[in-house]
Structure formats: structure tokens, C-alpha cells
Amino acid sequence: MEVVSALILLPYLPVYRSMKEIKNREDIVFLVDQFYQQVQKNKILGHIFNHVAKVHWETHLPKMYSFWASILLGEQSYSDNPMLKHIALHQRSPLTGIEFEEWLKLFTNTVDLHFEGENADLAKKRARDIAALMLYKIQNS
């Protein structure tokens, strides 16, 4: 009888999975790819990325790999100015706190789903800082 009870409860036991730390560029590529897959189909952000900015993903993604690898791994492989691009995008289609909150929510959820540890925490903190700074500069440009 005890074995039967245990088997009945089995589907309700929590599933523990081993979370991974962000340690190398491959982890960054995975994180960025997972995040932008969500962005592309998101009802708030998808339209902006796919139809307003018309992002060329084969060019954009490697830049984002370098951006986040520079922040999290100290690679210093990113040298572009994302602020200017977002200001120009804002002039074509106004960006508000709604879009930046959605971006931050998706990014944070993606990190939390796949990673843990110091670099995961740093990624979320830097994303919060980036979103706040971009929104501030866009609103005051």
C-alpha cells in the first residue's frame, strides 16, 4: 500500500533541476538566443523588432553576444553605441516604459529559467540599469 501511495504522489513532487552558471561565450550565446526567440514572438516587442526596426537577426545576434560577453565575461568585444540606435528607433515608433518593462521581464525570466549564480545576478542587474538608462535618455532626447 505504501508503494502505491508513493507512486500516486510522484507526479506532484517538485522537480529539481540543476541550474547552470554563466561561465563562457557559449552560455552567452544560449542566453541571447533563448531571449530573442521570446522577443520575436512577444505581442508587445515582436512588432517593434520585426516590423519597425526590421532587425536582421543574423547581424544583430552576434552583436548581442559580444555585448553581453563584454558585460558578463569582460571580453571587451563590443564597441557599438546602442543608445543612438534606440533613440533613432524611438523617433520612428515611440518607446515607452511599457516596452522597456516587457523587455526586462522577458530577459529576467530567461535568465532565471536557465541560469543561476553571480553572473546571472549581474546580467539581471545590468539589464535593469540598461532599461532604466535607455528609457531616461529616450524620454529626454
N, C-alpha and C. Protein backbone atom coordinates (compact mmCIF):
# COMPACT_ATOMS: atom_id res chain seq x y z
N MET A 1 0.82 -1.20 0.00
CA MET A 1 0.00 0.00 0.00
C MET A 1 0.86 1.26 0.00
N GLU A 2 1.99 1.25 0.71
CA GLU A 2 2.86 2.43 0.75
C GLU A 2 3.46 2.73 -0.61
N VAL A 3 3.82 1.70 -1.36
CA VAL A 3 4.40 1.89 -2.69
C VAL A 3 3.37 2.53 -3.61
N VAL A 4 2.13 2.09 -3.55
CA VAL A 4 1.06 2.66 -4.37
C VAL A 4 0.88 4.13 -4.02
N SER A 5 0.85 4.47 -2.74
CA SER A 5 0.70 5.87 -2.32
C SER A 5 1.84 6.73 -2.83
N ALA A 6 3.04 6.20 -2.76
CA ALA A 6 4.22 6.94 -3.23
C ALA A 6 4.13 7.17 -4.74
N LEU A 7 3.67 6.18 -5.47
CA LEU A 7 3.56 6.33 -6.93
C LEU A 7 2.48 7.35 -7.30
N ILE A 8 1.41 7.40 -6.52
CA ILE A 8 0.35 8.37 -6.78
C ILE A 8 0.85 9.78 -6.55
N LEU A 9 1.69 9.97 -5.54
CA LEU A 9 2.21 11.30 -5.22
C LEU A 9 3.35 11.74 -6.14
N LEU A 10 3.99 10.80 -6.82
CA LEU A 10 5.16 11.09 -7.63
C LEU A 10 4.97 12.27 -8.59
N PRO A 11 3.85 12.35 -9.33
CA PRO A 11 3.71 13.47 -10.25
C PRO A 11 3.63 14.83 -9.55
N TYR A 12 3.34 14.85 -8.26
CA TYR A 12 3.17 16.10 -7.54
C TYR A 12 4.42 16.55 -6.80
N LEU A 13 5.44 15.72 -6.81
CA LEU A 13 6.69 16.11 -6.16
C LEU A 13 7.38 17.16 -7.01
N PRO A 14 8.02 18.13 -6.37
CA PRO A 14 8.71 19.15 -7.16
C PRO A 14 9.87 18.56 -7.94
N VAL A 15 10.10 19.12 -9.11
CA VAL A 15 11.21 18.68 -9.95
C VAL A 15 12.38 19.63 -9.70
N TYR A 16 13.47 19.08 -9.27
CA TYR A 16 14.66 19.89 -9.04
C TYR A 16 15.60 19.69 -10.21
N ARG A 17 15.98 20.77 -10.81
CA ARG A 17 16.93 20.66 -11.91
C ARG A 17 18.16 21.45 -11.57
N SER A 18 19.21 21.00 -12.08
CA SER A 18 20.49 21.65 -11.82
C SER A 18 20.57 22.91 -12.67
N MET A 19 20.75 24.04 -12.03
CA MET A 19 20.89 25.30 -12.75
C MET A 19 22.37 25.51 -13.06
N LYS A 20 22.63 26.22 -14.08
CA LYS A 20 23.98 26.42 -14.57
C LYS A 20 24.38 27.87 -14.37
N GLU A 21 25.64 28.10 -14.16
CA GLU A 21 26.16 29.45 -14.09
C GLU A 21 26.54 29.91 -15.50
N ILE A 22 26.55 31.21 -15.71
CA ILE A 22 27.01 31.79 -16.98
C ILE A 22 28.53 31.90 -16.87
N LYS A 23 29.22 31.03 -17.60
CA LYS A 23 30.68 30.95 -17.45
C LYS A 23 31.46 31.31 -18.71
N ASN A 24 30.85 31.16 -19.88
CA ASN A 24 31.62 31.33 -21.12
C ASN A 24 30.73 31.86 -22.24
N ARG A 25 31.35 32.09 -23.37
CA ARG A 25 30.62 32.66 -24.51
C ARG A 25 29.49 31.74 -24.97
N GLU A 26 29.67 30.44 -24.89
CA GLU A 26 28.60 29.51 -25.29
C GLU A 26 27.36 29.72 -24.43
N ASP A 27 27.56 29.98 -23.14
CA ASP A 27 26.43 30.28 -22.27
C ASP A 27 25.75 31.58 -22.67
N ILE A 28 26.55 32.57 -23.04
CA ILE A 28 26.01 33.86 -23.50
C ILE A 28 25.18 33.66 -24.78
N VAL A 29 25.72 32.91 -25.72
CA VAL A 29 25.01 32.64 -26.98
C VAL A 29 23.67 31.96 -26.68
N PHE A 30 23.69 30.98 -25.81
CA PHE A 30 22.46 30.29 -25.44
C PHE A 30 21.45 31.26 -24.83
N LEU A 31 21.90 32.06 -23.87
CA LEU A 31 21.01 33.03 -23.20
C LEU A 31 20.42 34.01 -24.21
N VAL A 32 21.26 34.60 -25.02
CA VAL A 32 20.80 35.60 -26.00
C VAL A 32 19.84 34.96 -27.00
N ASP A 33 20.16 33.78 -27.49
CA ASP A 33 19.26 33.11 -28.45
C ASP A 33 17.90 32.81 -27.82
N GLN A 34 17.92 32.29 -26.60
CA GLN A 34 16.65 31.99 -25.91
C GLN A 34 15.83 33.26 -25.70
N PHE A 35 16.50 34.32 -25.29
CA PHE A 35 15.82 35.59 -25.04
C PHE A 35 15.19 36.14 -26.31
N TYR A 36 15.96 36.21 -27.39
CA TYR A 36 15.42 36.82 -28.61
C TYR A 36 14.39 35.95 -29.30
N GLN A 37 14.38 34.65 -29.05
CA GLN A 37 13.28 33.83 -29.54
C GLN A 37 11.97 34.27 -28.89
N GLN A 38 12.05 34.61 -27.62
CA GLN A 38 10.87 35.11 -26.91
C GLN A 38 10.48 36.50 -27.41
N VAL A 39 11.46 37.35 -27.61
CA VAL A 39 11.20 38.72 -28.09
C VAL A 39 10.48 38.69 -29.42
N GLN A 40 10.93 37.86 -30.35
CA GLN A 40 10.37 37.84 -31.70
C GLN A 40 8.89 37.49 -31.71
N LYS A 41 8.44 36.67 -30.77
CA LYS A 41 7.03 36.28 -30.77
C LYS A 41 6.21 37.01 -29.70
N ASN A 42 6.82 37.93 -29.00
CA ASN A 42 6.14 38.67 -27.95
C ASN A 42 5.18 39.68 -28.56
N LYS A 43 3.97 39.78 -27.99
CA LYS A 43 2.97 40.67 -28.60
C LYS A 43 3.30 42.15 -28.43
N ILE A 44 4.11 42.52 -27.45
CA ILE A 44 4.49 43.92 -27.28
C ILE A 44 5.77 44.24 -28.06
N LEU A 45 6.76 43.36 -27.97
CA LEU A 45 8.07 43.65 -28.56
C LEU A 45 8.26 43.11 -29.97
N GLY A 46 7.59 42.03 -30.30
CA GLY A 46 7.79 41.40 -31.60
C GLY A 46 7.60 42.35 -32.76
N HIS A 47 6.53 43.13 -32.71
CA HIS A 47 6.25 44.08 -33.79
C HIS A 47 7.39 45.10 -33.95
N ILE A 48 7.89 45.59 -32.83
CA ILE A 48 8.95 46.60 -32.88
C ILE A 48 10.21 46.01 -33.50
N PHE A 49 10.61 44.85 -33.05
CA PHE A 49 11.84 44.24 -33.57
C PHE A 49 11.69 43.77 -35.01
N ASN A 50 10.55 43.15 -35.31
CA ASN A 50 10.38 42.52 -36.62
C ASN A 50 9.90 43.47 -37.71
N HIS A 51 9.07 44.46 -37.35
CA HIS A 51 8.45 45.29 -38.39
C HIS A 51 8.87 46.75 -38.37
N VAL A 52 9.19 47.28 -37.21
CA VAL A 52 9.62 48.68 -37.15
C VAL A 52 11.14 48.77 -37.34
N ALA A 53 11.88 48.09 -36.46
CA ALA A 53 13.34 48.09 -36.58
C ALA A 53 13.81 47.19 -37.73
N LYS A 54 12.97 46.23 -38.07
CA LYS A 54 13.30 45.25 -39.12
C LYS A 54 14.69 44.66 -38.86
N VAL A 55 14.85 44.11 -37.66
CA VAL A 55 16.13 43.57 -37.23
C VAL A 55 16.57 42.44 -38.16
N HIS A 56 17.79 42.52 -38.60
CA HIS A 56 18.42 41.45 -39.37
C HIS A 56 19.11 40.56 -38.34
N TRP A 57 18.47 39.46 -37.98
CA TRP A 57 18.89 38.66 -36.84
C TRP A 57 20.28 38.08 -37.00
N GLU A 58 20.67 37.74 -38.23
CA GLU A 58 22.00 37.16 -38.44
C GLU A 58 23.10 38.17 -38.13
N THR A 59 22.79 39.45 -38.19
CA THR A 59 23.75 40.50 -37.85
C THR A 59 23.58 40.94 -36.39
N HIS A 60 22.34 41.04 -35.96
CA HIS A 60 22.05 41.54 -34.61
C HIS A 60 22.52 40.59 -33.51
N LEU A 61 22.24 39.32 -33.67
CA LEU A 61 22.57 38.37 -32.59
C LEU A 61 24.06 38.32 -32.25
N PRO A 62 24.96 38.24 -33.23
CA PRO A 62 26.39 38.26 -32.86
C PRO A 62 26.79 39.53 -32.12
N LYS A 63 26.17 40.65 -32.44
CA LYS A 63 26.45 41.89 -31.70
C LYS A 63 25.99 41.76 -30.25
N MET A 64 24.84 41.13 -30.06
CA MET A 64 24.33 40.95 -28.70
C MET A 64 25.16 39.93 -27.92
N TYR A 65 25.69 38.93 -28.61
CA TYR A 65 26.61 38.00 -27.94
C TYR A 65 27.81 38.78 -27.40
N SER A 66 28.37 39.64 -28.24
CA SER A 66 29.54 40.43 -27.82
C SER A 66 29.17 41.43 -26.73
N PHE A 67 27.99 42.04 -26.85
CA PHE A 67 27.54 43.00 -25.84
C PHE A 67 27.51 42.34 -24.46
N TRP A 68 26.81 41.21 -24.37
CA TRP A 68 26.66 40.55 -23.07
C TRP A 68 27.95 39.86 -22.63
N ALA A 69 28.75 39.37 -23.54
CA ALA A 69 30.04 38.78 -23.17
C ALA A 69 30.97 39.86 -22.62
N SER A 70 30.87 41.06 -23.16
CA SER A 70 31.68 42.17 -22.64
C SER A 70 31.25 42.51 -21.21
N ILE A 71 29.96 42.54 -20.97
CA ILE A 71 29.44 42.89 -19.64
C ILE A 71 29.72 41.78 -18.62
N LEU A 72 29.45 40.55 -18.99
CA LEU A 72 29.49 39.46 -18.02
C LEU A 72 30.83 38.73 -17.94
N LEU A 73 31.57 38.72 -19.03
CA LEU A 73 32.81 37.96 -19.06
C LEU A 73 34.05 38.84 -19.21
N GLY A 74 33.82 40.16 -19.38
CA GLY A 74 34.94 41.08 -19.54
C GLY A 74 35.66 40.94 -20.87
N GLU A 75 34.99 40.45 -21.89
CA GLU A 75 35.63 40.23 -23.20
C GLU A 75 36.07 41.51 -23.90
N GLN A 76 35.37 42.58 -23.70
CA GLN A 76 35.61 43.83 -24.41
C GLN A 76 35.55 43.63 -25.93
N SER A 77 34.55 42.86 -26.34
CA SER A 77 34.38 42.56 -27.76
C SER A 77 33.27 43.39 -28.40
N TYR A 78 32.63 44.26 -27.65
CA TYR A 78 31.53 45.09 -28.16
C TYR A 78 31.97 46.53 -28.18
N SER A 79 31.73 47.20 -29.32
CA SER A 79 32.18 48.59 -29.43
C SER A 79 31.14 49.51 -30.05
N ASP A 80 29.92 49.07 -30.19
CA ASP A 80 28.87 49.88 -30.82
C ASP A 80 28.24 50.81 -29.79
N ASN A 81 27.33 51.69 -30.25
CA ASN A 81 26.60 52.59 -29.37
C ASN A 81 25.10 52.30 -29.46
N PRO A 82 24.58 51.45 -28.58
CA PRO A 82 23.17 51.08 -28.68
C PRO A 82 22.21 52.24 -28.39
N MET A 83 22.67 53.22 -27.63
CA MET A 83 21.79 54.34 -27.27
C MET A 83 21.33 55.08 -28.53
N LEU A 84 22.25 55.37 -29.43
CA LEU A 84 21.89 56.11 -30.64
C LEU A 84 20.86 55.34 -31.48
N LYS A 85 21.01 54.03 -31.55
CA LYS A 85 20.07 53.21 -32.32
C LYS A 85 18.68 53.22 -31.70
N HIS A 86 18.63 53.21 -30.38
CA HIS A 86 17.33 53.22 -29.72
C HIS A 86 16.66 54.60 -29.79
N ILE A 87 17.45 55.65 -29.76
CA ILE A 87 16.89 57.00 -29.94
C ILE A 87 16.31 57.13 -31.34
N ALA A 88 17.03 56.64 -32.34
CA ALA A 88 16.53 56.68 -33.72
C ALA A 88 15.27 55.84 -33.87
N LEU A 89 15.24 54.69 -33.24
CA LEU A 89 14.05 53.84 -33.28
C LEU A 89 12.87 54.53 -32.62
N HIS A 90 13.12 55.19 -31.51
CA HIS A 90 12.07 55.93 -30.79
C HIS A 90 11.45 57.01 -31.68
N GLN A 91 12.23 57.60 -32.54
CA GLN A 91 11.72 58.63 -33.45
C GLN A 91 10.79 58.04 -34.50
N ARG A 92 10.97 56.77 -34.84
CA ARG A 92 10.09 56.10 -35.80
C ARG A 92 8.85 55.52 -35.14
N SER A 93 9.02 55.02 -33.91
CA SER A 93 7.93 54.40 -33.17
C SER A 93 8.19 54.62 -31.69
N PRO A 94 7.40 55.48 -31.05
CA PRO A 94 7.68 55.85 -29.66
C PRO A 94 7.83 54.63 -28.74
N LEU A 95 8.92 54.64 -27.98
CA LEU A 95 9.18 53.60 -26.99
C LEU A 95 8.85 54.18 -25.62
N THR A 96 8.12 53.41 -24.84
CA THR A 96 7.68 53.87 -23.52
C THR A 96 8.16 52.90 -22.45
N GLY A 97 7.79 53.19 -21.23
CA GLY A 97 8.10 52.29 -20.14
C GLY A 97 7.51 50.90 -20.33
N ILE A 98 6.41 50.81 -21.05
CA ILE A 98 5.77 49.52 -21.29
C ILE A 98 6.70 48.58 -22.04
N GLU A 99 7.31 49.08 -23.10
CA GLU A 99 8.22 48.25 -23.90
C GLU A 99 9.47 47.86 -23.09
N PHE A 100 10.00 48.81 -22.34
CA PHE A 100 11.21 48.51 -21.57
C PHE A 100 10.91 47.56 -20.42
N GLU A 101 9.74 47.69 -19.80
CA GLU A 101 9.35 46.75 -18.74
C GLU A 101 9.17 45.34 -19.31
N GLU A 102 8.59 45.25 -20.48
CA GLU A 102 8.39 43.94 -21.11
C GLU A 102 9.73 43.32 -21.49
N TRP A 103 10.62 44.13 -22.05
CA TRP A 103 11.97 43.66 -22.39
C TRP A 103 12.67 43.13 -21.14
N LEU A 104 12.60 43.88 -20.05
CA LEU A 104 13.25 43.49 -18.81
C LEU A 104 12.63 42.23 -18.23
N LYS A 105 11.31 42.14 -18.28
CA LYS A 105 10.62 40.94 -17.78
C LYS A 105 11.05 39.71 -18.56
N LEU A 106 11.07 39.80 -19.88
CA LEU A 106 11.48 38.66 -20.71
C LEU A 106 12.93 38.27 -20.44
N PHE A 107 13.79 39.27 -20.33
CA PHE A 107 15.21 39.00 -20.10
C PHE A 107 15.40 38.33 -18.75
N THR A 108 14.81 38.89 -17.72
CA THR A 108 14.93 38.35 -16.36
C THR A 108 14.38 36.93 -16.29
N ASN A 109 13.23 36.70 -16.89
CA ASN A 109 12.64 35.36 -16.90
C ASN A 109 13.52 34.36 -17.63
N THR A 110 14.14 34.79 -18.72
CA THR A 110 15.02 33.91 -19.48
C THR A 110 16.25 33.54 -18.66
N VAL A 111 16.84 34.53 -18.00
CA VAL A 111 17.99 34.25 -17.14
C VAL A 111 17.57 33.28 -16.03
N ASP A 112 16.47 33.59 -15.35
CA ASP A 112 16.03 32.76 -14.22
C ASP A 112 15.69 31.33 -14.63
N LEU A 113 15.20 31.15 -15.84
CA LEU A 113 14.82 29.83 -16.31
C LEU A 113 16.04 28.94 -16.54
N HIS A 114 17.15 29.55 -16.96
CA HIS A 114 18.29 28.75 -17.40
C HIS A 114 19.55 28.86 -16.54
N PHE A 115 19.67 29.92 -15.76
CA PHE A 115 20.94 30.17 -15.08
C PHE A 115 20.74 30.61 -13.64
N GLU A 116 21.82 30.48 -12.88
CA GLU A 116 21.89 30.98 -11.52
C GLU A 116 23.32 31.45 -11.26
N GLY A 117 23.53 32.07 -10.13
CA GLY A 117 24.88 32.43 -9.74
C GLY A 117 25.18 33.91 -9.95
N GLU A 118 26.44 34.23 -9.73
CA GLU A 118 26.90 35.62 -9.74
C GLU A 118 26.67 36.32 -11.08
N ASN A 119 27.03 35.67 -12.19
CA ASN A 119 26.84 36.31 -13.50
C ASN A 119 25.38 36.41 -13.89
N ALA A 120 24.57 35.45 -13.45
CA ALA A 120 23.12 35.55 -13.71
C ALA A 120 22.55 36.75 -12.97
N ASP A 121 22.96 36.93 -11.72
CA ASP A 121 22.51 38.09 -10.96
C ASP A 121 23.01 39.39 -11.59
N LEU A 122 24.26 39.37 -12.02
CA LEU A 122 24.83 40.56 -12.67
C LEU A 122 24.09 40.87 -13.97
N ALA A 123 23.77 39.85 -14.75
CA ALA A 123 23.04 40.06 -16.01
C ALA A 123 21.70 40.75 -15.74
N LYS A 124 20.99 40.30 -14.72
CA LYS A 124 19.68 40.90 -14.40
C LYS A 124 19.84 42.33 -13.88
N LYS A 125 20.86 42.56 -13.08
CA LYS A 125 21.10 43.91 -12.57
C LYS A 125 21.46 44.86 -13.72
N ARG A 126 22.37 44.42 -14.56
CA ARG A 126 22.77 45.27 -15.69
C ARG A 126 21.60 45.51 -16.64
N ALA A 127 20.76 44.51 -16.86
CA ALA A 127 19.58 44.69 -17.71
C ALA A 127 18.65 45.74 -17.11
N ARG A 128 18.45 45.70 -15.80
CA ARG A 128 17.61 46.72 -15.13
C ARG A 128 18.21 48.11 -15.34
N ASP A 129 19.53 48.22 -15.14
CA ASP A 129 20.21 49.51 -15.31
C ASP A 129 20.13 50.01 -16.75
N ILE A 130 20.33 49.11 -17.69
CA ILE A 130 20.29 49.46 -19.12
C ILE A 130 18.89 49.94 -19.50
N ALA A 131 17.88 49.21 -19.08
CA ALA A 131 16.49 49.58 -19.41
C ALA A 131 16.15 50.95 -18.83
N ALA A 132 16.53 51.18 -17.58
CA ALA A 132 16.22 52.47 -16.94
C ALA A 132 16.96 53.61 -17.63
N LEU A 133 18.23 53.41 -17.93
CA LEU A 133 19.03 54.47 -18.57
C LEU A 133 18.52 54.77 -19.98
N MET A 134 18.23 53.71 -20.73
CA MET A 134 17.74 53.93 -22.11
C MET A 134 16.42 54.68 -22.10
N LEU A 135 15.51 54.26 -21.23
CA LEU A 135 14.22 54.94 -21.16
C LEU A 135 14.41 56.40 -20.78
N TYR A 136 15.24 56.66 -19.80
CA TYR A 136 15.50 58.04 -19.38
C TYR A 136 16.07 58.87 -20.53
N LYS A 137 17.07 58.35 -21.21
CA LYS A 137 17.71 59.11 -22.30
C LYS A 137 16.76 59.31 -23.47
N ILE A 138 15.95 58.29 -23.78
CA ILE A 138 14.99 58.42 -24.87
C ILE A 138 13.94 59.49 -24.53
N GLN A 139 13.46 59.48 -23.31
CA GLN A 139 12.44 60.44 -22.91
C GLN A 139 12.99 61.87 -22.81
N ASN A 140 14.29 62.00 -22.68
CA ASN A 140 14.91 63.31 -22.52
C ASN A 140 15.79 63.70 -23.69
N SER A 141 15.59 63.06 -24.83
CA SER A 141 16.41 63.42 -26.00
C SER A 141 15.67 64.38 -26.91
